[in-house]
Amino acid sequence: MSAADPNEYRRAACDQWSRSADGWGKRIGDIQDWATPVTRWMLDALALQPGETVVELAAGPADIGLVAAELVQPGGRVLISDFADEMLDVARARAADLNIENVEFRRLDLESIEIGAGLVDAALARWGLMLVADPEAGGRELRRILRPGGRLALAVWDEPEENPWATIPTQELIERGLVPPRDPAGPGMFALAPADKLRNLLEEAGFTDVEVEAVGLVRRQASAEEYLDVTLDLSRPLADVMARIDPEQAAAVREGIKARLAPYRDADGAIVLPARSLVASASA
């Protein structure tokens, strides 16, 4: 989606994420499995201590924020935020199920974070910054809310060719004329790749000690059908296209995606897809 009209992009993105919340709650186990290497890297980079105040931006179901809440006990608190109220509902329910009480939930926009300057010890943003209309503003806001010496850990996705798990459905839709090609200048999954682009954004926002690395991930699904079912729960744009086309065309899209997955099928019939995330740490 182009950000030629940033406000329209923001409205559409909020709508899509709001309608994705149930699927993300349903698939949290899958997300946790895929994300483990990135989650560990980010938490290791922050080295959270008891008593600290942490904020997670663009939290979704708060997979990483709820782990952080345990690490800052006793005496610490985590503010878990998202700009979609429905995602926060999922996160609240998960915190209740896990009996995690040292958390607060608040609707916040990563581009304009309603937190006073210098009030946060550490900030987390996993796979959110590249999706906002103005990631440079997001970087400045992350720097602003951190106290002097505060720490940031974030993740974005690396180049498209490193992430076939995400690009395969989109390629099928583009080739069938069902969605336009990705706007390389607009927001989206790959908007902050390659690594130098992310590093420059953080340095220009005023961060120091910026470190950016690539972390490999693996998305494994038992079958191509399972891959499709999980992806439809997590990807609102794909689900919306499949809902608006006729059943015959939808079936053809499914078969086309399955054909693209064939090179990633292992001996047991499972689909094993590589992924690569960029992770970054920095100091305020």
Protein backbone atom coordinates (compact mmCIF):
# COMPACT_ATOMS: atom_id res chain seq x y z
CA MET A 1 0.00 0.00 0.00
CA SER A 2 1.29 3.45 -0.86
CA ALA A 3 1.55 6.13 1.78
CA ALA A 4 0.82 8.92 -0.71
CA ASP A 5 -2.04 9.76 1.67
CA PRO A 6 -0.53 8.91 5.08
CA ASN A 7 -3.77 9.43 6.99
CA GLU A 8 -5.68 7.09 4.70
CA TYR A 9 -2.90 4.53 5.06
CA ARG A 10 -3.10 4.82 8.86
CA ARG A 11 -6.88 4.32 8.85
CA ALA A 12 -6.65 1.31 6.56
CA ALA A 13 -3.80 -0.23 8.54
CA CYS A 14 -5.66 0.17 11.83
CA ASP A 15 -8.72 -1.46 10.31
CA GLN A 16 -6.70 -4.38 8.98
CA TRP A 17 -4.92 -5.01 12.28
CA SER A 18 -8.15 -4.70 14.24
CA ARG A 19 -9.73 -7.38 12.07
CA SER A 20 -6.60 -9.55 12.33
CA ALA A 21 -6.61 -9.67 16.13
CA ASP A 22 -8.68 -12.85 16.51
CA GLY A 23 -6.43 -14.71 14.08
CA TRP A 24 -3.28 -13.55 15.85
CA GLY A 25 -4.72 -14.66 19.18
CA LYS A 26 -5.61 -18.03 17.70
CA ARG A 27 -2.13 -18.52 16.21
CA ILE A 28 -0.02 -17.18 19.08
CA GLY A 29 1.67 -20.57 19.52
CA ASP A 30 2.86 -20.53 15.90
CA ILE A 31 4.09 -16.96 16.25
CA GLN A 32 6.02 -17.73 19.41
CA ASP A 33 7.72 -20.71 17.76
CA TRP A 34 8.84 -18.78 14.67
CA ALA A 35 9.86 -15.70 16.63
CA THR A 36 11.94 -17.37 19.34
CA PRO A 37 15.42 -16.46 17.95
CA VAL A 38 14.43 -12.81 17.53
CA THR A 39 12.69 -12.64 20.90
CA ARG A 40 15.77 -14.02 22.64
CA TRP A 41 18.09 -11.63 20.82
CA MET A 42 16.02 -8.59 21.76
CA LEU A 43 15.66 -9.54 25.42
CA ASP A 44 19.34 -10.42 25.69
CA ALA A 45 20.23 -7.04 24.18
CA LEU A 46 18.14 -5.17 26.75
CA ALA A 47 19.40 -7.17 29.76
CA LEU A 48 16.32 -6.12 31.73
CA GLN A 49 16.64 -5.69 35.47
CA PRO A 50 14.15 -5.90 38.36
CA GLY A 51 12.41 -2.59 38.98
CA GLU A 52 12.73 -1.22 35.44
CA THR A 53 9.97 0.39 33.41
CA VAL A 54 9.58 -1.05 29.91
CA VAL A 55 7.26 -0.18 27.03
CA GLU A 56 6.39 -2.43 24.11
CA LEU A 57 5.14 -0.65 20.99
CA ALA A 58 3.07 -2.29 18.24
CA ALA A 59 2.74 -5.21 20.64
CA GLY A 60 0.02 -7.25 18.95
CA PRO A 61 -0.69 -10.16 21.30
CA ALA A 62 2.30 -9.05 23.45
CA ASP A 63 4.39 -12.18 23.03
CA ILE A 64 7.62 -10.40 23.94
CA GLY A 65 6.17 -7.86 26.37
CA LEU A 66 4.73 -10.51 28.67
CA VAL A 67 8.13 -12.21 28.86
CA ALA A 68 9.70 -8.84 29.68
CA ALA A 69 7.18 -8.38 32.51
CA GLU A 70 8.56 -11.45 34.25
CA LEU A 71 12.15 -10.26 33.82
CA VAL A 72 11.57 -6.91 35.56
CA GLN A 73 10.03 -8.43 38.68
CA PRO A 74 10.05 -7.51 41.47
CA GLY A 75 9.15 -3.85 41.26
CA GLY A 76 9.20 -3.37 37.50
CA ARG A 77 6.35 -2.75 35.11
CA VAL A 78 5.70 -3.15 31.38
CA LEU A 79 3.40 -0.92 29.38
CA ILE A 80 2.05 -2.97 26.49
CA SER A 81 0.69 -0.86 23.65
CA ASP A 82 -0.77 -1.16 20.19
CA PHE A 83 -2.85 1.16 18.02
CA ALA A 84 -5.55 -1.49 17.53
CA ASP A 85 -7.82 -1.89 20.55
CA GLU A 86 -8.70 -5.42 19.47
CA MET A 87 -5.04 -6.46 19.65
CA LEU A 88 -4.87 -5.05 23.17
CA ASP A 89 -7.91 -7.16 24.11
CA VAL A 90 -5.99 -10.26 23.00
CA ALA A 91 -2.94 -9.18 25.00
CA ARG A 92 -5.05 -8.52 28.12
CA ALA A 93 -6.61 -11.95 27.90
CA ARG A 94 -3.19 -13.58 27.56
CA ALA A 95 -1.83 -11.69 30.58
CA ALA A 96 -4.83 -12.83 32.63
CA ASP A 97 -4.37 -16.44 31.53
CA LEU A 98 -0.69 -16.28 32.49
CA ASN A 99 -1.41 -14.50 35.81
CA ILE A 100 0.94 -11.66 34.89
CA GLU A 101 -0.08 -8.58 36.86
CA ASN A 102 2.77 -6.08 36.52
CA VAL A 103 1.53 -4.91 33.12
CA GLU A 104 -0.54 -2.01 31.86
CA PHE A 105 -2.28 -1.80 28.50
CA ARG A 106 -2.71 1.38 26.51
CA ARG A 107 -3.58 2.35 22.95
CA LEU A 108 -0.54 4.18 21.58
CA ASP A 109 0.59 5.23 18.12
CA LEU A 110 4.25 4.50 17.42
CA GLU A 111 4.50 7.69 15.39
CA SER A 112 3.27 9.87 18.26
CA ILE A 113 3.78 8.10 21.59
CA GLU A 114 1.76 9.68 24.39
CA ILE A 115 4.40 9.17 27.07
CA GLY A 116 6.46 11.90 28.66
CA ALA A 117 10.08 12.36 27.63
CA GLY A 118 12.70 10.32 29.44
CA LEU A 119 10.32 8.17 31.47
CA VAL A 120 11.18 4.70 30.16
CA ASP A 121 14.19 2.49 30.91
CA ALA A 122 13.80 0.23 27.90
CA ALA A 123 11.63 0.00 24.77
CA LEU A 124 10.72 -2.94 22.56
CA ALA A 125 9.28 -2.87 19.05
CA ARG A 126 9.20 -6.18 17.24
CA TRP A 127 8.13 -6.06 13.58
CA GLY A 128 6.19 -2.83 13.87
CA LEU A 129 8.35 0.16 12.94
CA MET A 130 8.54 -0.71 9.22
CA LEU A 131 4.74 -0.71 8.98
CA VAL A 132 4.05 2.86 10.09
CA ALA A 133 3.51 5.69 7.62
CA ASP A 134 6.47 7.67 9.00
CA PRO A 135 9.10 5.35 10.51
CA GLU A 136 11.52 8.26 10.98
CA ALA A 137 8.98 9.88 13.31
CA GLY A 138 8.65 6.55 15.09
CA GLY A 139 12.40 6.39 15.60
CA ARG A 140 12.45 9.90 17.07
CA GLU A 141 9.57 9.05 19.40
CA LEU A 142 11.31 5.92 20.65
CA ARG A 143 14.39 8.00 21.41
CA ARG A 144 12.33 10.71 23.15
CA ILE A 145 10.57 8.47 25.66
CA LEU A 146 13.79 6.79 26.83
CA ARG A 147 15.72 8.15 29.79
CA PRO A 148 19.38 9.07 29.21
CA GLY A 149 21.16 5.75 28.88
CA GLY A 150 17.91 3.90 28.21
CA ARG A 151 17.95 0.98 25.80
CA LEU A 152 16.05 0.08 22.66
CA ALA A 153 15.66 -3.32 21.00
CA LEU A 154 13.65 -3.72 17.83
CA ALA A 155 13.21 -5.98 14.85
CA VAL A 156 12.15 -5.45 11.24
CA TRP A 157 12.12 -7.81 8.28
CA ASP A 158 15.11 -8.15 5.98
CA GLU A 159 14.92 -8.04 2.16
CA PRO A 160 11.98 -9.78 0.39
CA GLU A 161 14.17 -12.45 -1.20
CA GLU A 162 15.19 -13.60 2.28
CA ASN A 163 11.57 -14.12 3.32
CA PRO A 164 9.70 -16.43 0.94
CA TRP A 165 7.35 -17.39 3.80
CA ALA A 166 5.86 -13.91 3.38
CA THR A 167 6.33 -13.15 -0.31
CA ILE A 168 4.89 -16.32 -1.87
CA PRO A 169 1.19 -15.44 -1.42
CA THR A 170 1.78 -11.84 -2.51
CA GLN A 171 3.61 -12.95 -5.67
CA GLU A 172 0.67 -15.17 -6.58
CA LEU A 173 -1.82 -12.34 -6.09
CA ILE A 174 0.29 -9.85 -8.06
CA GLU A 175 0.73 -12.19 -11.01
CA ARG A 176 -3.02 -12.77 -11.12
CA GLY A 177 -3.67 -9.02 -11.09
CA LEU A 178 -5.49 -9.18 -7.76
CA VAL A 179 -3.23 -6.72 -5.93
CA PRO A 180 -0.78 -4.07 -7.19
CA PRO A 181 2.98 -4.57 -6.88
CA ARG A 182 4.59 -3.42 -3.66
CA ASP A 183 5.50 0.26 -3.54
CA PRO A 184 9.22 0.20 -2.59
CA ALA A 185 8.94 3.76 -1.28
CA GLY A 186 5.96 3.08 0.95
CA PRO A 187 5.53 1.40 4.32
CA GLY A 188 5.41 -2.37 4.51
CA MET A 189 7.18 -5.46 5.74
CA PHE A 190 10.44 -4.68 3.95
CA ALA A 191 10.47 -0.90 4.21
CA LEU A 192 13.47 -0.74 6.57
CA ALA A 193 15.73 -3.23 4.80
CA PRO A 194 18.63 -3.51 4.15
CA ALA A 195 20.54 -3.18 7.42
CA ASP A 196 22.14 0.18 6.59
CA LYS A 197 18.71 1.75 6.17
CA LEU A 198 17.68 0.70 9.66
CA ARG A 199 21.01 1.75 11.15
CA ASN A 200 20.80 5.19 9.53
CA LEU A 201 17.26 5.72 10.78
CA LEU A 202 18.27 5.01 14.37
CA GLU A 203 21.40 7.15 14.23
CA GLU A 204 19.48 10.05 12.70
CA ALA A 205 16.91 9.71 15.50
CA GLY A 206 19.70 10.37 18.00
CA PHE A 207 20.54 6.86 19.18
CA THR A 208 24.10 5.81 19.95
CA ASP A 209 25.82 2.42 20.15
CA VAL A 210 23.60 1.19 17.32
CA GLU A 211 24.08 -2.46 16.47
CA VAL A 212 22.19 -4.19 13.65
CA GLU A 213 22.39 -7.90 12.91
CA ALA A 214 20.53 -10.43 10.77
CA VAL A 215 18.83 -13.35 12.51
CA GLY A 216 17.65 -16.39 10.60
CA LEU A 217 14.27 -17.92 11.36
CA VAL A 218 12.37 -20.95 10.11
CA ARG A 219 8.64 -21.17 9.57
CA ARG A 220 7.59 -24.82 9.58
CA GLN A 221 4.06 -26.00 8.78
CA ALA A 222 2.91 -29.60 8.63
CA SER A 223 1.53 -29.18 5.11
CA ALA A 224 0.79 -26.61 2.44
CA GLU A 225 -2.84 -26.59 3.58
CA GLU A 226 -1.77 -25.75 7.12
CA TYR A 227 0.45 -22.97 5.79
CA LEU A 228 -2.52 -21.50 3.94
CA ASP A 229 -4.85 -21.76 6.93
CA VAL A 230 -2.37 -20.10 9.28
CA THR A 231 -1.50 -17.39 6.77
CA LEU A 232 -5.16 -16.56 6.20
CA ASP A 233 -5.57 -16.09 9.97
CA LEU A 234 -2.54 -13.80 10.20
CA SER A 235 -2.70 -11.85 6.93
CA ARG A 236 -5.79 -9.66 6.64
CA PRO A 237 -4.89 -8.44 3.13
CA LEU A 238 -4.73 -12.01 1.81
CA ALA A 239 -7.92 -12.98 3.62
CA ASP A 240 -9.72 -9.94 2.21
CA VAL A 241 -8.73 -10.79 -1.35
CA MET A 242 -9.82 -14.41 -0.92
CA ALA A 243 -13.17 -13.26 0.47
CA ARG A 244 -13.95 -10.92 -2.44
CA ILE A 245 -13.09 -13.21 -5.37
CA ASP A 246 -15.34 -16.02 -6.57
CA PRO A 247 -14.82 -19.56 -5.22
CA GLU A 248 -13.30 -20.87 -8.44
CA GLN A 249 -10.73 -18.08 -8.51
CA ALA A 250 -10.00 -18.54 -4.79
CA ALA A 251 -9.36 -22.24 -5.38
CA ALA A 252 -6.97 -21.38 -8.21
CA VAL A 253 -5.09 -18.97 -5.95
CA ARG A 254 -4.75 -21.66 -3.29
CA GLU A 255 -3.39 -24.13 -5.84
CA GLY A 256 -0.97 -21.52 -7.18
CA ILE A 257 0.38 -20.83 -3.70
CA LYS A 258 0.74 -24.56 -3.06
CA ALA A 259 2.76 -24.91 -6.27
CA ARG A 260 5.08 -22.12 -5.15
CA LEU A 261 5.56 -23.91 -1.82
CA ALA A 262 6.61 -27.18 -3.44
CA PRO A 263 10.38 -26.43 -3.41
CA TYR A 264 10.18 -26.00 0.36
CA ARG A 265 8.55 -29.38 1.07
CA ASP A 266 10.69 -31.79 3.07
CA ALA A 267 10.70 -35.60 2.98
CA ASP A 268 7.80 -35.75 5.45
CA GLY A 269 5.64 -33.40 3.40
CA ALA A 270 6.09 -30.50 5.79
CA ILE A 271 6.70 -27.00 4.46
CA VAL A 272 9.95 -25.50 5.79
CA LEU A 273 10.38 -21.87 4.84
CA PRO A 274 13.42 -19.72 5.63
CA ALA A 275 13.07 -16.22 6.99
CA ARG A 276 15.45 -13.47 7.99
CA SER A 277 14.87 -10.60 10.37
CA LEU A 278 17.02 -7.60 11.12
CA VAL A 279 17.43 -6.91 14.82
CA ALA A 280 18.83 -3.78 16.36
CA SER A 281 19.87 -2.47 19.74
CA ALA A 282 20.73 1.10 20.63
CA SER A 283 21.22 3.46 23.56
CA ALA A 284 19.51 6.78 24.22
